[in-house]
Each structure stands twice: as C-alpha cells, then as structure tokens.
C-alpha cells in the first residue's frame, strides 16, 4: 500500500474524558467471559481481607476488539519492561483471572 493511500485511511479521533471517568478507578482483580460474538471484561476491586469484590467497570468487546486490546496490552507491557525491568507476578497471580496489582 502506498503512503498516500495509508494517509487517506488514517482517521484522527479526538478523545474526551468526562468528569465521571477522568480520575480512573483502581482495580486489582478481573474476570472475563465470552461467547461467540462478544467478550465481557469486568474490572473488580477486592478490598484487603475481604471476600466481596465490586465491579468497578465492565467492558463489552467484539472478538476483534478483544484481540486488538490483547495485542496493545502486550506491546505496552513489553515497552514497560524494557524501561523498568521485568514484572514478576507473585505466586498465584500469573494464572488467568488472577489478581491484578
């Protein structure tokens, strides 16, 4: 593909953070569900010494967008580890659905 065609396909998106989300939400646990047409990612907060986690945010993604998110997270983790060193999960945290710290 020529550079000219690539430039024509490039779309600039303005991202606006509303007041209700701009400060983010701390999460330390995640769970993921999927069916044939969608992935659901729940971002949870589990307080220390508690057995009840609260869903702080839920993402609903198409399989394509889930794959793109996976690739983007992997790329960003690689950049992070190049800059700050390897991330060493604690015991039990490297399993799918493990605690996110």
PDB file of N, CA and C in Angstrom:
ATOM      1  N   UNK A   1       0.853  -1.180   0.000  1.00  0.00           N
ATOM      2  CA  UNK A   1       0.000   0.000   0.000  1.00  0.00           C
ATOM      3  C   UNK A   1       0.894   1.236   0.000  1.00  0.00           C
ATOM      4  N   UNK A   2       0.574   2.200  -0.822  1.00  0.00           N
ATOM      5  CA  UNK A   2       1.375   3.411  -0.882  1.00  0.00           C
ATOM      6  C   UNK A   2       1.112   4.279   0.339  1.00  0.00           C
ATOM      7  N   UNK A   3       2.084   5.157   0.618  1.00  0.00           N
ATOM      8  CA  UNK A   3       1.927   6.059   1.761  1.00  0.00           C
ATOM      9  C   UNK A   3       0.719   6.966   1.584  1.00  0.00           C
ATOM     10  N   UNK A   4       0.462   7.361   0.348  1.00  0.00           N
ATOM     11  CA  UNK A   4      -0.672   8.236   0.066  1.00  0.00           C
ATOM     12  C   UNK A   4      -1.981   7.573   0.467  1.00  0.00           C
ATOM     13  N   UNK A   5      -2.156   6.286   0.117  1.00  0.00           N
ATOM     14  CA  UNK A   5      -3.367   5.557   0.477  1.00  0.00           C
ATOM     15  C   UNK A   5      -3.464   5.372   1.983  1.00  0.00           C
ATOM     16  N   UNK A   6      -2.326   5.099   2.628  1.00  0.00           N
ATOM     17  CA  UNK A   6      -2.314   4.925   4.084  1.00  0.00           C
ATOM     18  C   UNK A   6      -2.732   6.214   4.777  1.00  0.00           C
ATOM     19  N   UNK A   7      -2.263   7.343   4.262  1.00  0.00           N
ATOM     20  CA  UNK A   7      -2.635   8.626   4.854  1.00  0.00           C
ATOM     21  C   UNK A   7      -4.124   8.901   4.694  1.00  0.00           C
ATOM     22  N   UNK A   8      -4.689   8.521   3.550  1.00  0.00           N
ATOM     23  CA  UNK A   8      -6.113   8.734   3.331  1.00  0.00           C
ATOM     24  C   UNK A   8      -6.952   7.892   4.281  1.00  0.00           C
ATOM     25  N   UNK A   9      -6.453   6.716   4.664  1.00  0.00           N
ATOM     26  CA  UNK A   9      -7.188   5.826   5.560  1.00  0.00           C
ATOM     27  C   UNK A   9      -7.034   6.205   7.031  1.00  0.00           C
ATOM     28  N   UNK A  10      -5.998   6.966   7.353  1.00  0.00           N
ATOM     29  CA  UNK A  10      -5.777   7.360   8.744  1.00  0.00           C
ATOM     30  C   UNK A  10      -6.933   8.240   9.216  1.00  0.00           C
ATOM     31  N   UNK A  11      -7.455   7.907  10.387  1.00  0.00           N
ATOM     32  CA  UNK A  11      -8.565   8.660  10.957  1.00  0.00           C
ATOM     33  C   UNK A  11      -8.106   9.233  12.289  1.00  0.00           C
ATOM     34  N   UNK A  12      -8.279  10.511  12.460  1.00  0.00           N
ATOM     35  CA  UNK A  12      -7.932  11.144  13.730  1.00  0.00           C
ATOM     36  C   UNK A  12      -9.169  11.139  14.612  1.00  0.00           C
ATOM     37  N   UNK A  13      -8.987  10.653  15.831  1.00  0.00           N
ATOM     38  CA  UNK A  13     -10.081  10.578  16.785  1.00  0.00           C
ATOM     39  C   UNK A  13      -9.733  11.457  17.970  1.00  0.00           C
ATOM     40  N   UNK A  14     -10.628  12.362  18.305  1.00  0.00           N
ATOM     41  CA  UNK A  14     -10.447  13.196  19.487  1.00  0.00           C
ATOM     42  C   UNK A  14     -11.024  12.446  20.680  1.00  0.00           C
ATOM     43  N   UNK A  15     -10.222  12.262  21.705  1.00  0.00           N
ATOM     44  CA  UNK A  15     -10.658  11.549  22.903  1.00  0.00           C
ATOM     45  C   UNK A  15     -10.975  12.568  23.984  1.00  0.00           C
ATOM     46  N   UNK A  16     -12.167  12.472  24.550  1.00  0.00           N
ATOM     47  CA  UNK A  16     -12.614  13.373  25.603  1.00  0.00           C
ATOM     48  C   UNK A  16     -12.894  12.551  26.853  1.00  0.00           C
ATOM     49  N   UNK A  17     -12.298  12.933  27.965  1.00  0.00           N
ATOM     50  CA  UNK A  17     -12.565  12.269  29.238  1.00  0.00           C
ATOM     51  C   UNK A  17     -13.585  13.079  30.013  1.00  0.00           C
ATOM     52  N   UNK A  18     -14.719  12.464  30.299  1.00  0.00           N
ATOM     53  CA  UNK A  18     -15.731  13.136  31.094  1.00  0.00           C
ATOM     54  C   UNK A  18     -15.309  13.213  32.558  1.00  0.00           C
ATOM     55  N   UNK A  19     -15.915  14.114  33.294  1.00  0.00           N
ATOM     56  CA  UNK A  19     -15.582  14.285  34.706  1.00  0.00           C
ATOM     57  C   UNK A  19     -15.791  13.003  35.511  1.00  0.00           C
ATOM     58  N   UNK A  20     -16.741  12.171  35.086  1.00  0.00           N
ATOM     59  CA  UNK A  20     -17.051  10.961  35.837  1.00  0.00           C
ATOM     60  C   UNK A  20     -16.012   9.855  35.657  1.00  0.00           C
ATOM     61  N   UNK A  21     -15.139   9.963  34.639  1.00  0.00           N
ATOM     62  CA  UNK A  21     -14.141   8.912  34.410  1.00  0.00           C
ATOM     63  C   UNK A  21     -12.693   9.404  34.398  1.00  0.00           C
ATOM     64  N   UNK A  22     -12.465  10.681  34.399  1.00  0.00           N
ATOM     65  CA  UNK A  22     -11.107  11.189  34.201  1.00  0.00           C
ATOM     66  C   UNK A  22     -10.138  10.807  35.313  1.00  0.00           C
ATOM     67  N   UNK A  23     -10.610  10.529  36.510  1.00  0.00           N
ATOM     68  CA  UNK A  23      -9.713  10.141  37.594  1.00  0.00           C
ATOM     69  C   UNK A  23      -9.468   8.643  37.648  1.00  0.00           C
ATOM     70  N   UNK A  24     -10.163   7.897  36.815  1.00  0.00           N
ATOM     71  CA  UNK A  24      -9.961   6.458  36.778  1.00  0.00           C
ATOM     72  C   UNK A  24     -10.574   5.766  37.988  1.00  0.00           C
ATOM     73  N   UNK A  25     -10.366   4.459  38.035  1.00  0.00           N
ATOM     74  CA  UNK A  25     -10.891   3.646  39.119  1.00  0.00           C
ATOM     75  C   UNK A  25      -9.894   2.528  39.376  1.00  0.00           C
ATOM     76  N   UNK A  26      -9.408   2.420  40.596  1.00  0.00           N
ATOM     77  CA  UNK A  26      -8.420   1.396  40.931  1.00  0.00           C
ATOM     78  C   UNK A  26      -9.086   0.025  40.943  1.00  0.00           C
ATOM     79  N   UNK A  27      -8.460  -0.935  40.281  1.00  0.00           N
ATOM     80  CA  UNK A  27      -8.931  -2.318  40.279  1.00  0.00           C
ATOM     81  C   UNK A  27      -7.757  -3.244  40.556  1.00  0.00           C
ATOM     82  N   UNK A  28      -8.039  -4.381  41.183  1.00  0.00           N
ATOM     83  CA  UNK A  28      -6.977  -5.343  41.472  1.00  0.00           C
ATOM     84  C   UNK A  28      -7.390  -6.774  41.156  1.00  0.00           C
ATOM     85  N   UNK A  29      -8.466  -6.906  40.404  1.00  0.00           N
ATOM     86  CA  UNK A  29      -8.956  -8.225  40.026  1.00  0.00           C
ATOM     87  C   UNK A  29      -9.742  -8.073  38.731  1.00  0.00           C
ATOM     88  N   UNK A  30      -9.748  -9.108  37.923  1.00  0.00           N
ATOM     89  CA  UNK A  30     -10.520  -9.068  36.679  1.00  0.00           C
ATOM     90  C   UNK A  30     -11.129 -10.432  36.426  1.00  0.00           C
ATOM     91  N   UNK A  31     -12.257 -10.432  35.745  1.00  0.00           N
ATOM     92  CA  UNK A  31     -12.832 -11.685  35.260  1.00  0.00           C
ATOM     93  C   UNK A  31     -13.305 -11.447  33.839  1.00  0.00           C
ATOM     94  N   UNK A  32     -13.196 -12.503  33.051  1.00  0.00           N
ATOM     95  CA  UNK A  32     -13.508 -12.392  31.632  1.00  0.00           C
ATOM     96  C   UNK A  32     -14.457 -13.518  31.239  1.00  0.00           C
ATOM     97  N   UNK A  33     -15.504 -13.148  30.521  1.00  0.00           N
ATOM     98  CA  UNK A  33     -16.472 -14.094  29.967  1.00  0.00           C
ATOM     99  C   UNK A  33     -16.496 -13.897  28.467  1.00  0.00           C
ATOM    100  N   UNK A  34     -16.898 -14.902  27.733  1.00  0.00           N
ATOM    101  CA  UNK A  34     -17.088 -14.718  26.292  1.00  0.00           C
ATOM    102  C   UNK A  34     -18.088 -15.724  25.755  1.00  0.00           C
ATOM    103  N   UNK A  35     -18.668 -15.334  24.633  1.00  0.00           N
ATOM    104  CA  UNK A  35     -19.475 -16.250  23.833  1.00  0.00           C
ATOM    105  C   UNK A  35     -19.020 -16.076  22.388  1.00  0.00           C
ATOM    106  N   UNK A  36     -19.764 -16.540  21.459  1.00  0.00           N
ATOM    107  CA  UNK A  36     -19.333 -16.490  20.062  1.00  0.00           C
ATOM    108  C   UNK A  36     -19.192 -15.063  19.533  1.00  0.00           C
ATOM    109  N   UNK A  37     -19.953 -14.121  20.070  1.00  0.00           N
ATOM    110  CA  UNK A  37     -19.990 -12.786  19.480  1.00  0.00           C
ATOM    111  C   UNK A  37     -19.406 -11.670  20.332  1.00  0.00           C
ATOM    112  N   UNK A  38     -19.087 -11.941  21.599  1.00  0.00           N
ATOM    113  CA  UNK A  38     -18.587 -10.856  22.442  1.00  0.00           C
ATOM    114  C   UNK A  38     -17.739 -11.359  23.597  1.00  0.00           C
ATOM    115  N   UNK A  39     -16.885 -10.473  24.082  1.00  0.00           N
ATOM    116  CA  UNK A  39     -16.101 -10.682  25.293  1.00  0.00           C
ATOM    117  C   UNK A  39     -16.579  -9.671  26.318  1.00  0.00           C
ATOM    118  N   UNK A  40     -16.673 -10.087  27.558  1.00  0.00           N
ATOM    119  CA  UNK A  40     -17.038  -9.193  28.658  1.00  0.00           C
ATOM    120  C   UNK A  40     -15.896  -9.213  29.652  1.00  0.00           C
ATOM    121  N   UNK A  41     -15.351  -8.044  29.940  1.00  0.00           N
ATOM    122  CA  UNK A  41     -14.262  -7.892  30.896  1.00  0.00           C
ATOM    123  C   UNK A  41     -14.770  -7.069  32.067  1.00  0.00           C
ATOM    124  N   UNK A  42     -14.834  -7.694  33.232  1.00  0.00           N
ATOM    125  CA  UNK A  42     -15.203  -6.987  34.456  1.00  0.00           C
ATOM    126  C   UNK A  42     -13.934  -6.605  35.201  1.00  0.00           C
ATOM    127  N   UNK A  43     -13.788  -5.330  35.509  1.00  0.00           N
ATOM    128  CA  UNK A  43     -12.692  -4.823  36.320  1.00  0.00           C
ATOM    129  C   UNK A  43     -13.224  -4.689  37.743  1.00  0.00           C
ATOM    130  N   UNK A  44     -12.606  -5.405  38.676  1.00  0.00           N
ATOM    131  CA  UNK A  44     -13.119  -5.523  40.042  1.00  0.00           C
ATOM    132  C   UNK A  44     -12.157  -4.933  41.064  1.00  0.00           C
ATOM    133  N   UNK A  45     -12.710  -4.519  42.193  1.00  0.00           N
ATOM    134  CA  UNK A  45     -11.897  -4.129  43.341  1.00  0.00           C
ATOM    135  C   UNK A  45     -12.234  -5.056  44.495  1.00  0.00           C
ATOM    136  N   UNK A  46     -11.214  -5.735  44.991  1.00  0.00           N
ATOM    137  CA  UNK A  46     -11.347  -6.628  46.135  1.00  0.00           C
ATOM    138  C   UNK A  46     -10.557  -6.023  47.289  1.00  0.00           C
ATOM    139  N   UNK A  47     -11.252  -5.472  48.308  1.00  0.00           N
ATOM    140  CA  UNK A  47     -10.530  -4.868  49.438  1.00  0.00           C
ATOM    141  C   UNK A  47      -9.705  -5.918  50.181  1.00  0.00           C
ATOM    142  N   UNK A  48      -8.606  -5.481  50.795  1.00  0.00           N
ATOM    143  CA  UNK A  48      -7.805  -6.414  51.581  1.00  0.00           C
ATOM    144  C   UNK A  48      -8.658  -7.112  52.645  1.00  0.00           C
ATOM    145  N   UNK A  49      -8.410  -8.377  52.844  1.00  0.00           N
ATOM    146  CA  UNK A  49      -9.077  -9.203  53.859  1.00  0.00           C
ATOM    147  C   UNK A  49     -10.597  -9.242  53.687  1.00  0.00           C
ATOM    148  N   UNK A  50     -11.051  -9.148  52.436  1.00  0.00           N
ATOM    149  CA  UNK A  50     -12.474  -9.214  52.139  1.00  0.00           C
ATOM    150  C   UNK A  50     -12.709 -10.352  51.157  1.00  0.00           C
ATOM    151  N   UNK A  51     -13.934 -10.837  51.130  1.00  0.00           N
ATOM    152  CA  UNK A  51     -14.295 -11.873  50.161  1.00  0.00           C
ATOM    153  C   UNK A  51     -15.341 -11.363  49.178  1.00  0.00           C
ATOM    154  N   UNK A  52     -15.603 -10.050  49.204  1.00  0.00           N
ATOM    155  CA  UNK A  52     -16.599  -9.484  48.303  1.00  0.00           C
ATOM    156  C   UNK A  52     -15.946  -8.435  47.404  1.00  0.00           C
ATOM    157  N   UNK A  53     -15.940  -8.724  46.112  1.00  0.00           N
ATOM    158  CA  UNK A  53     -15.368  -7.807  45.130  1.00  0.00           C
ATOM    159  C   UNK A  53     -16.491  -7.015  44.469  1.00  0.00           C
ATOM    160  N   UNK A  54     -16.205  -5.769  44.149  1.00  0.00           N
ATOM    161  CA  UNK A  54     -17.156  -4.885  43.498  1.00  0.00           C
ATOM    162  C   UNK A  54     -16.721  -4.636  42.060  1.00  0.00           C
ATOM    163  N   UNK A  55     -17.668  -4.756  41.124  1.00  0.00           N
ATOM    164  CA  UNK A  55     -17.366  -4.430  39.734  1.00  0.00           C
ATOM    165  C   UNK A  55     -17.264  -2.918  39.618  1.00  0.00           C
ATOM    166  N   UNK A  56     -16.091  -2.436  39.215  1.00  0.00           N
ATOM    167  CA  UNK A  56     -15.877  -1.005  39.044  1.00  0.00           C
ATOM    168  C   UNK A  56     -16.160  -0.556  37.619  1.00  0.00           C
ATOM    169  N   UNK A  57     -15.966  -1.492  36.670  1.00  0.00           N
ATOM    170  CA  UNK A  57     -16.202  -1.160  35.271  1.00  0.00           C
ATOM    171  C   UNK A  57     -16.401  -2.450  34.493  1.00  0.00           C
ATOM    172  N   UNK A  58     -17.204  -2.393  33.443  1.00  0.00           N
ATOM    173  CA  UNK A  58     -17.436  -3.549  32.583  1.00  0.00           C
ATOM    174  C   UNK A  58     -17.224  -3.115  31.143  1.00  0.00           C
ATOM    175  N   UNK A  59     -16.375  -3.857  30.430  1.00  0.00           N
ATOM    176  CA  UNK A  59     -16.143  -3.614  29.014  1.00  0.00           C
ATOM    177  C   UNK A  59     -16.777  -4.729  28.210  1.00  0.00           C
ATOM    178  N   UNK A  60     -17.520  -4.377  27.182  1.00  0.00           N
ATOM    179  CA  UNK A  60     -18.091  -5.343  26.251  1.00  0.00           C
ATOM    180  C   UNK A  60     -17.388  -5.125  24.918  1.00  0.00           C
ATOM    181  N   UNK A  61     -16.732  -6.179  24.427  1.00  0.00           N
ATOM    182  CA  UNK A  61     -15.919  -6.057  23.230  1.00  0.00           C
ATOM    183  C   UNK A  61     -16.279  -7.122  22.207  1.00  0.00           C
ATOM    184  N   UNK A  62     -16.139  -6.769  20.941  1.00  0.00           N
ATOM    185  CA  UNK A  62     -16.237  -7.778  19.891  1.00  0.00           C
ATOM    186  C   UNK A  62     -14.975  -8.639  19.978  1.00  0.00           C
ATOM    187  N   UNK A  63     -15.006  -9.859  19.414  1.00  0.00           N
ATOM    188  CA  UNK A  63     -13.787 -10.674  19.405  1.00  0.00           C
ATOM    189  C   UNK A  63     -12.597  -9.947  18.761  1.00  0.00           C
ATOM    190  N   UNK A  64     -12.838  -9.206  17.686  1.00  0.00           N
ATOM    191  CA  UNK A  64     -11.758  -8.456  17.047  1.00  0.00           C
ATOM    192  C   UNK A  64     -11.172  -7.429  17.996  1.00  0.00           C
ATOM    193  N   UNK A  65     -12.029  -6.658  18.672  1.00  0.00           N
ATOM    194  CA  UNK A  65     -11.526  -5.637  19.584  1.00  0.00           C
ATOM    195  C   UNK A  65     -10.844  -6.260  20.800  1.00  0.00           C
ATOM    196  N   UNK A  66     -11.298  -7.422  21.248  1.00  0.00           N
ATOM    197  CA  UNK A  66     -10.622  -8.124  22.337  1.00  0.00           C
ATOM    198  C   UNK A  66      -9.206  -8.508  21.908  1.00  0.00           C
ATOM    199  N   UNK A  67      -9.064  -8.988  20.683  1.00  0.00           N
ATOM    200  CA  UNK A  67      -7.742  -9.370  20.170  1.00  0.00           C
ATOM    201  C   UNK A  67      -6.842  -8.151  20.036  1.00  0.00           C
ATOM    202  N   UNK A  68      -7.388  -7.041  19.551  1.00  0.00           N
ATOM    203  CA  UNK A  68      -6.609  -5.809  19.433  1.00  0.00           C
ATOM    204  C   UNK A  68      -6.198  -5.278  20.808  1.00  0.00           C
ATOM    205  N   UNK A  69      -7.090  -5.367  21.797  1.00  0.00           N
ATOM    206  CA  UNK A  69      -6.758  -4.955  23.167  1.00  0.00           C
ATOM    207  C   UNK A  69      -5.641  -5.836  23.717  1.00  0.00           C
ATOM    208  N   UNK A  70      -5.735  -7.143  23.484  1.00  0.00           N
ATOM    209  CA  UNK A  70      -4.699  -8.085  23.913  1.00  0.00           C
ATOM    210  C   UNK A  70      -3.341  -7.698  23.326  1.00  0.00           C
ATOM    211  N   UNK A  71      -3.309  -7.400  22.029  1.00  0.00           N
ATOM    212  CA  UNK A  71      -2.062  -7.012  21.368  1.00  0.00           C
ATOM    213  C   UNK A  71      -1.525  -5.693  21.926  1.00  0.00           C
ATOM    214  N   UNK A  72      -2.415  -4.724  22.139  1.00  0.00           N
ATOM    215  CA  UNK A  72      -1.987  -3.422  22.663  1.00  0.00           C
ATOM    216  C   UNK A  72      -1.439  -3.553  24.081  1.00  0.00           C
ATOM    217  N   UNK A  73      -2.087  -4.371  24.919  1.00  0.00           N
ATOM    218  CA  UNK A  73      -1.577  -4.585  26.275  1.00  0.00           C
ATOM    219  C   UNK A  73      -0.213  -5.264  26.238  1.00  0.00           C
ATOM    220  N   UNK A  74      -0.073  -6.271  25.375  1.00  0.00           N
ATOM    221  CA  UNK A  74       1.211  -6.961  25.250  1.00  0.00           C
ATOM    222  C   UNK A  74       2.316  -6.021  24.813  1.00  0.00           C
ATOM    223  N   UNK A  75       2.025  -5.184  23.835  1.00  0.00           N
ATOM    224  CA  UNK A  75       3.017  -4.229  23.346  1.00  0.00           C
ATOM    225  C   UNK A  75       3.401  -3.240  24.451  1.00  0.00           C
ATOM    226  N   UNK A  76       2.416  -2.738  25.183  1.00  0.00           N
ATOM    227  CA  UNK A  76       2.700  -1.782  26.244  1.00  0.00           C
ATOM    228  C   UNK A  76       3.446  -2.427  27.408  1.00  0.00           C
ATOM    229  N   UNK A  77       3.138  -3.685  27.720  1.00  0.00           N
ATOM    230  CA  UNK A  77       3.888  -4.388  28.757  1.00  0.00           C
ATOM    231  C   UNK A  77       5.340  -4.574  28.344  1.00  0.00           C
ATOM    232  N   UNK A  78       5.588  -4.889  27.088  1.00  0.00           N
ATOM    233  CA  UNK A  78       6.964  -5.030  26.600  1.00  0.00           C
ATOM    234  C   UNK A  78       7.733  -3.720  26.734  1.00  0.00           C
ATOM    235  N   UNK A  79       7.114  -2.621  26.347  1.00  0.00           N
ATOM    236  CA  UNK A  79       7.756  -1.308  26.464  1.00  0.00           C
ATOM    237  C   UNK A  79       8.031  -0.994  27.937  1.00  0.00           C
ATOM    238  N   UNK A  80       7.055  -1.267  28.801  1.00  0.00           N
ATOM    239  CA  UNK A  80       7.210  -1.022  30.230  1.00  0.00           C
ATOM    240  C   UNK A  80       8.398  -1.811  30.785  1.00  0.00           C
ATOM    241  N   UNK A  81       8.465  -3.114  30.445  1.00  0.00           N
ATOM    242  CA  UNK A  81       9.529  -3.963  30.979  1.00  0.00           C
ATOM    243  C   UNK A  81      10.900  -3.588  30.420  1.00  0.00           C
ATOM    244  N   UNK A  82      10.958  -3.106  29.202  1.00  0.00           N
ATOM    245  CA  UNK A  82      12.226  -2.610  28.664  1.00  0.00           C
ATOM    246  C   UNK A  82      12.717  -1.419  29.467  1.00  0.00           C
ATOM    247  N   UNK A  83      11.783  -0.580  29.883  1.00  0.00           N
ATOM    248  CA  UNK A  83      12.143   0.652  30.594  1.00  0.00           C
ATOM    249  C   UNK A  83      12.378   0.418  32.092  1.00  0.00           C
ATOM    250  N   UNK A  84      11.526  -0.424  32.727  1.00  0.00           N
ATOM    251  CA  UNK A  84      11.558  -0.558  34.184  1.00  0.00           C
ATOM    252  C   UNK A  84      11.979  -1.934  34.689  1.00  0.00           C
ATOM    253  N   UNK A  85      12.158  -2.890  33.804  1.00  0.00           N
ATOM    254  CA  UNK A  85      12.525  -4.242  34.215  1.00  0.00           C
ATOM    255  C   UNK A  85      11.321  -5.169  34.216  1.00  0.00           C
ATOM    256  N   UNK A  86      11.624  -6.463  34.295  1.00  0.00           N
ATOM    257  CA  UNK A  86      10.580  -7.490  34.216  1.00  0.00           C
ATOM    258  C   UNK A  86       9.601  -7.393  35.380  1.00  0.00           C
ATOM    259  N   UNK A  87       8.356  -7.605  35.072  1.00  0.00           N
ATOM    260  CA  UNK A  87       7.297  -7.662  36.085  1.00  0.00           C
ATOM    261  C   UNK A  87       7.261  -9.097  36.594  1.00  0.00           C
ATOM    262  N   UNK A  88       7.386  -9.278  37.895  1.00  0.00           N
ATOM    263  CA  UNK A  88       7.400 -10.608  38.497  1.00  0.00           C
ATOM    264  C   UNK A  88       6.096 -10.831  39.261  1.00  0.00           C
ATOM    265  N   UNK A  89       5.163 -11.607  38.684  1.00  0.00           N
ATOM    266  CA  UNK A  89       3.920 -11.890  39.419  1.00  0.00           C
ATOM    267  C   UNK A  89       4.223 -12.664  40.702  1.00  0.00           C
ATOM    268  N   UNK A  90       3.444 -12.389  41.733  1.00  0.00           N
ATOM    269  CA  UNK A  90       3.563 -13.161  42.964  1.00  0.00           C
ATOM    270  C   UNK A  90       2.848 -14.480  42.769  1.00  0.00           C
ATOM    271  N   UNK A  91       3.102 -15.420  43.624  1.00  0.00           N
ATOM    272  CA  UNK A  91       2.527 -16.762  43.499  1.00  0.00           C
ATOM    273  C   UNK A  91       1.010 -16.697  43.329  1.00  0.00           C
ATOM    274  N   UNK A  92       0.495 -17.370  42.307  1.00  0.00           N
ATOM    275  CA  UNK A  92      -0.940 -17.425  42.058  1.00  0.00           C
ATOM    276  C   UNK A  92      -1.473 -16.294  41.201  1.00  0.00           C
ATOM    277  N   UNK A  93      -0.659 -15.267  40.960  1.00  0.00           N
ATOM    278  CA  UNK A  93      -1.126 -14.115  40.193  1.00  0.00           C
ATOM    279  C   UNK A  93      -0.897 -14.249  38.701  1.00  0.00           C
ATOM    280  N   UNK A  94      -0.155 -15.271  38.276  1.00  0.00           N
ATOM    281  CA  UNK A  94       0.122 -15.410  36.851  1.00  0.00           C
ATOM    282  C   UNK A  94      -0.879 -16.298  36.144  1.00  0.00           C
ATOM    283  N   UNK A  95      -1.911 -16.722  36.848  1.00  0.00           N
ATOM    284  CA  UNK A  95      -2.952 -17.547  36.252  1.00  0.00           C
ATOM    285  C   UNK A  95      -4.060 -16.650  35.687  1.00  0.00           C
ATOM    286  N   UNK A  96      -4.735 -17.098  34.628  1.00  0.00           N
ATOM    287  CA  UNK A  96      -5.832 -16.299  34.093  1.00  0.00           C
ATOM    288  C   UNK A  96      -6.865 -15.985  35.169  1.00  0.00           C
ATOM    289  N   UNK A  97      -7.291 -14.751  35.222  1.00  0.00           N
ATOM    290  CA  UNK A  97      -8.266 -14.343  36.227  1.00  0.00           C
ATOM    291  C   UNK A  97      -7.632 -14.039  37.560  1.00  0.00           C
ATOM    292  N   UNK A  98      -6.307 -14.010  37.608  1.00  0.00           N
ATOM    293  CA  UNK A  98      -5.594 -13.749  38.852  1.00  0.00           C
ATOM    294  C   UNK A  98      -5.720 -12.292  39.275  1.00  0.00           C
ATOM    295  N   UNK A  99      -5.237 -12.011  40.453  1.00  0.00           N
ATOM    296  CA  UNK A  99      -5.298 -10.659  40.996  1.00  0.00           C
ATOM    297  C   UNK A  99      -4.403  -9.751  40.183  1.00  0.00           C
ATOM    298  N   UNK A 100      -4.893  -8.567  39.873  1.00  0.00           N
ATOM    299  CA  UNK A 100      -4.109  -7.553  39.168  1.00  0.00           C
ATOM    300  C   UNK A 100      -3.592  -6.556  40.176  1.00  0.00           C
ATOM    301  N   UNK A 101      -2.281  -6.398  40.257  1.00  0.00           N
ATOM    302  CA  UNK A 101      -1.694  -5.389  41.165  1.00  0.00           C
ATOM    303  C   UNK A 101      -0.890  -4.397  40.387  1.00  0.00           C
TER     304      UNK A 101
END
